[in-house]
Amino acid sequence: MSLADEFAAIAKAAFIAGALSETKKIATKSGRKLVSGTADKAVDVARKVRKPSKYNLEYKKQYAKLKKKHPRSSFSALAKKAHRATKKVMQ
């Protein structure tokens, strides 16, 4: 191994170590949880869950009714029918 190759390997290792420690600092500041010490596996801790809308709750009921009546129908067919039924009920 030549001197240039050794220097490149050392520089690469130093860069990776520096980048990893910097990533840990940033992740800690931003409230993220770091998984297994690597930068590419940073994961959000918790997302705020939004409250379902009135339409969404009604659609859920209509879809459940249709799914019970027609369990073998495809999702897209049931979804279309459920949206139509929801619109009728909401008007």
C-alpha atoms as a PDB file:
ATOM      1  CA  MET A   1       0.000   0.000   0.000  1.00  0.00           C
ATOM      2  CA  SER A   2       1.448   3.319  -1.008  1.00  0.00           C
ATOM      3  CA  LEU A   3       1.619   6.420   1.114  1.00  0.00           C
ATOM      4  CA  ALA A   4      -1.162   8.074  -0.906  1.00  0.00           C
ATOM      5  CA  ASP A   5      -3.449   5.062  -0.399  1.00  0.00           C
ATOM      6  CA  GLU A   6      -2.755   5.049   3.351  1.00  0.00           C
ATOM      7  CA  PHE A   7      -3.460   8.756   3.572  1.00  0.00           C
ATOM      8  CA  ALA A   8      -6.719   8.315   1.611  1.00  0.00           C
ATOM      9  CA  ALA A   9      -7.850   5.498   3.932  1.00  0.00           C
ATOM     10  CA  ILE A  10      -7.013   7.556   7.050  1.00  0.00           C
ATOM     11  CA  ALA A  11      -8.754  10.643   5.656  1.00  0.00           C
ATOM     12  CA  LYS A  12     -11.832   8.601   4.741  1.00  0.00           C
ATOM     13  CA  ALA A  13     -12.025   7.050   8.224  1.00  0.00           C
ATOM     14  CA  ALA A  14     -11.613  10.469   9.860  1.00  0.00           C
ATOM     15  CA  PHE A  15     -14.301  11.975   7.620  1.00  0.00           C
ATOM     16  CA  ILE A  16     -16.763   9.180   8.438  1.00  0.00           C
ATOM     17  CA  ALA A  17     -16.076   9.467  12.177  1.00  0.00           C
ATOM     18  CA  GLY A  18     -16.490  13.253  12.046  1.00  0.00           C
ATOM     19  CA  ALA A  19     -19.667  13.058  10.004  1.00  0.00           C
ATOM     20  CA  LEU A  20     -21.129  10.457  12.353  1.00  0.00           C
ATOM     21  CA  SER A  21     -20.405  12.509  15.477  1.00  0.00           C
ATOM     22  CA  GLU A  22     -21.820  15.638  13.820  1.00  0.00           C
ATOM     23  CA  THR A  23     -24.947  13.698  12.827  1.00  0.00           C
ATOM     24  CA  LYS A  24     -25.399  12.528  16.418  1.00  0.00           C
ATOM     25  CA  LYS A  25     -25.170  16.130  17.654  1.00  0.00           C
ATOM     26  CA  ILE A  26     -27.708  17.365  15.109  1.00  0.00           C
ATOM     27  CA  ALA A  27     -30.050  14.447  15.774  1.00  0.00           C
ATOM     28  CA  THR A  28     -29.915  15.049  19.514  1.00  0.00           C
ATOM     29  CA  LYS A  29     -30.657  18.756  19.074  1.00  0.00           C
ATOM     30  CA  SER A  30     -33.571  18.168  16.730  1.00  0.00           C
ATOM     31  CA  GLY A  31     -35.233  15.626  19.033  1.00  0.00           C
ATOM     32  CA  ARG A  32     -34.707  12.617  16.798  1.00  0.00           C
ATOM     33  CA  LYS A  33     -33.787   9.147  17.980  1.00  0.00           C
ATOM     34  CA  LEU A  34     -30.647   7.661  16.445  1.00  0.00           C
ATOM     35  CA  VAL A  35     -30.833   3.961  15.698  1.00  0.00           C
ATOM     36  CA  SER A  36     -27.663   1.819  15.881  1.00  0.00           C
ATOM     37  CA  GLY A  37     -25.314   4.793  15.517  1.00  0.00           C
ATOM     38  CA  THR A  38     -25.548   5.385  11.776  1.00  0.00           C
ATOM     39  CA  ALA A  39     -26.584   8.561  10.025  1.00  0.00           C
ATOM     40  CA  ASP A  40     -28.787   6.900   7.424  1.00  0.00           C
ATOM     41  CA  LYS A  41     -30.985   5.222  10.060  1.00  0.00           C
ATOM     42  CA  ALA A  42     -32.173   8.350  11.914  1.00  0.00           C
ATOM     43  CA  VAL A  43     -35.858   7.907  12.759  1.00  0.00           C
ATOM     44  CA  ASP A  44     -38.511  10.382  13.847  1.00  0.00           C
ATOM     45  CA  VAL A  45     -39.568   9.668  17.411  1.00  0.00           C
ATOM     46  CA  ALA A  46     -43.284  10.455  17.215  1.00  0.00           C
ATOM     47  CA  ARG A  47     -45.557  12.195  14.741  1.00  0.00           C
ATOM     48  CA  LYS A  48     -48.631  14.077  15.846  1.00  0.00           C
ATOM     49  CA  VAL A  49     -51.724  12.145  14.760  1.00  0.00           C
ATOM     50  CA  ARG A  50     -54.439  14.252  13.204  1.00  0.00           C
ATOM     51  CA  LYS A  51     -58.057  13.937  14.265  1.00  0.00           C
ATOM     52  CA  PRO A  52     -60.256  12.228  11.619  1.00  0.00           C
ATOM     53  CA  SER A  53     -62.682  14.549   9.874  1.00  0.00           C
ATOM     54  CA  LYS A  54     -66.452  14.158   9.974  1.00  0.00           C
ATOM     55  CA  TYR A  55     -66.364  12.993   6.333  1.00  0.00           C
ATOM     56  CA  ASN A  56     -63.649  10.454   7.091  1.00  0.00           C
ATOM     57  CA  LEU A  57     -65.614   8.967   9.981  1.00  0.00           C
ATOM     58  CA  GLU A  58     -68.762   8.664   7.842  1.00  0.00           C
ATOM     59  CA  TYR A  59     -66.769   7.152   4.962  1.00  0.00           C
ATOM     60  CA  LYS A  60     -65.363   4.585   7.396  1.00  0.00           C
ATOM     61  CA  LYS A  61     -68.888   3.537   8.390  1.00  0.00           C
ATOM     62  CA  GLN A  62     -70.096   3.328   4.790  1.00  0.00           C
ATOM     63  CA  TYR A  63     -67.040   1.336   3.698  1.00  0.00           C
ATOM     64  CA  ALA A  64     -67.480  -1.100   6.604  1.00  0.00           C
ATOM     65  CA  LYS A  65     -71.142  -1.676   5.667  1.00  0.00           C
ATOM     66  CA  LEU A  66     -70.251  -2.342   2.047  1.00  0.00           C
ATOM     67  CA  LYS A  67     -67.332  -4.595   2.977  1.00  0.00           C
ATOM     68  CA  LYS A  68     -69.658  -6.658   5.159  1.00  0.00           C
ATOM     69  CA  LYS A  69     -72.192  -7.025   2.322  1.00  0.00           C
ATOM     70  CA  HIS A  70     -69.595  -7.632  -0.421  1.00  0.00           C
ATOM     71  CA  PRO A  71     -66.446  -9.096   1.171  1.00  0.00           C
ATOM     72  CA  ARG A  72     -64.940 -10.306  -2.119  1.00  0.00           C
ATOM     73  CA  SER A  73     -65.257  -7.021  -4.014  1.00  0.00           C
ATOM     74  CA  SER A  74     -62.107  -5.049  -4.759  1.00  0.00           C
ATOM     75  CA  PHE A  75     -61.071  -2.069  -2.692  1.00  0.00           C
ATOM     76  CA  SER A  76     -61.454   0.399  -5.559  1.00  0.00           C
ATOM     77  CA  ALA A  77     -65.039  -0.682  -6.294  1.00  0.00           C
ATOM     78  CA  LEU A  78     -66.025  -0.518  -2.629  1.00  0.00           C
ATOM     79  CA  ALA A  79     -64.250   2.810  -2.145  1.00  0.00           C
ATOM     80  CA  LYS A  80     -66.170   4.404  -5.034  1.00  0.00           C
ATOM     81  CA  LYS A  81     -69.477   3.158  -3.649  1.00  0.00           C
ATOM     82  CA  ALA A  82     -68.567   4.248  -0.124  1.00  0.00           C
ATOM     83  CA  HIS A  83     -67.659   7.763  -1.291  1.00  0.00           C
ATOM     84  CA  ARG A  84     -70.955   8.063  -3.160  1.00  0.00           C
ATOM     85  CA  ALA A  85     -72.898   6.864  -0.121  1.00  0.00           C
ATOM     86  CA  THR A  86     -71.009   9.251   2.145  1.00  0.00           C
ATOM     87  CA  LYS A  87     -71.802  12.209  -0.096  1.00  0.00           C
ATOM     88  CA  LYS A  88     -75.513  11.305  -0.027  1.00  0.00           C
ATOM     89  CA  VAL A  89     -75.565  10.994   3.771  1.00  0.00           C
ATOM     90  CA  MET A  90     -73.591  14.224   4.328  1.00  0.00           C
ATOM     91  CA  GLN A  91     -75.886  16.377   2.141  1.00  0.00           C
END
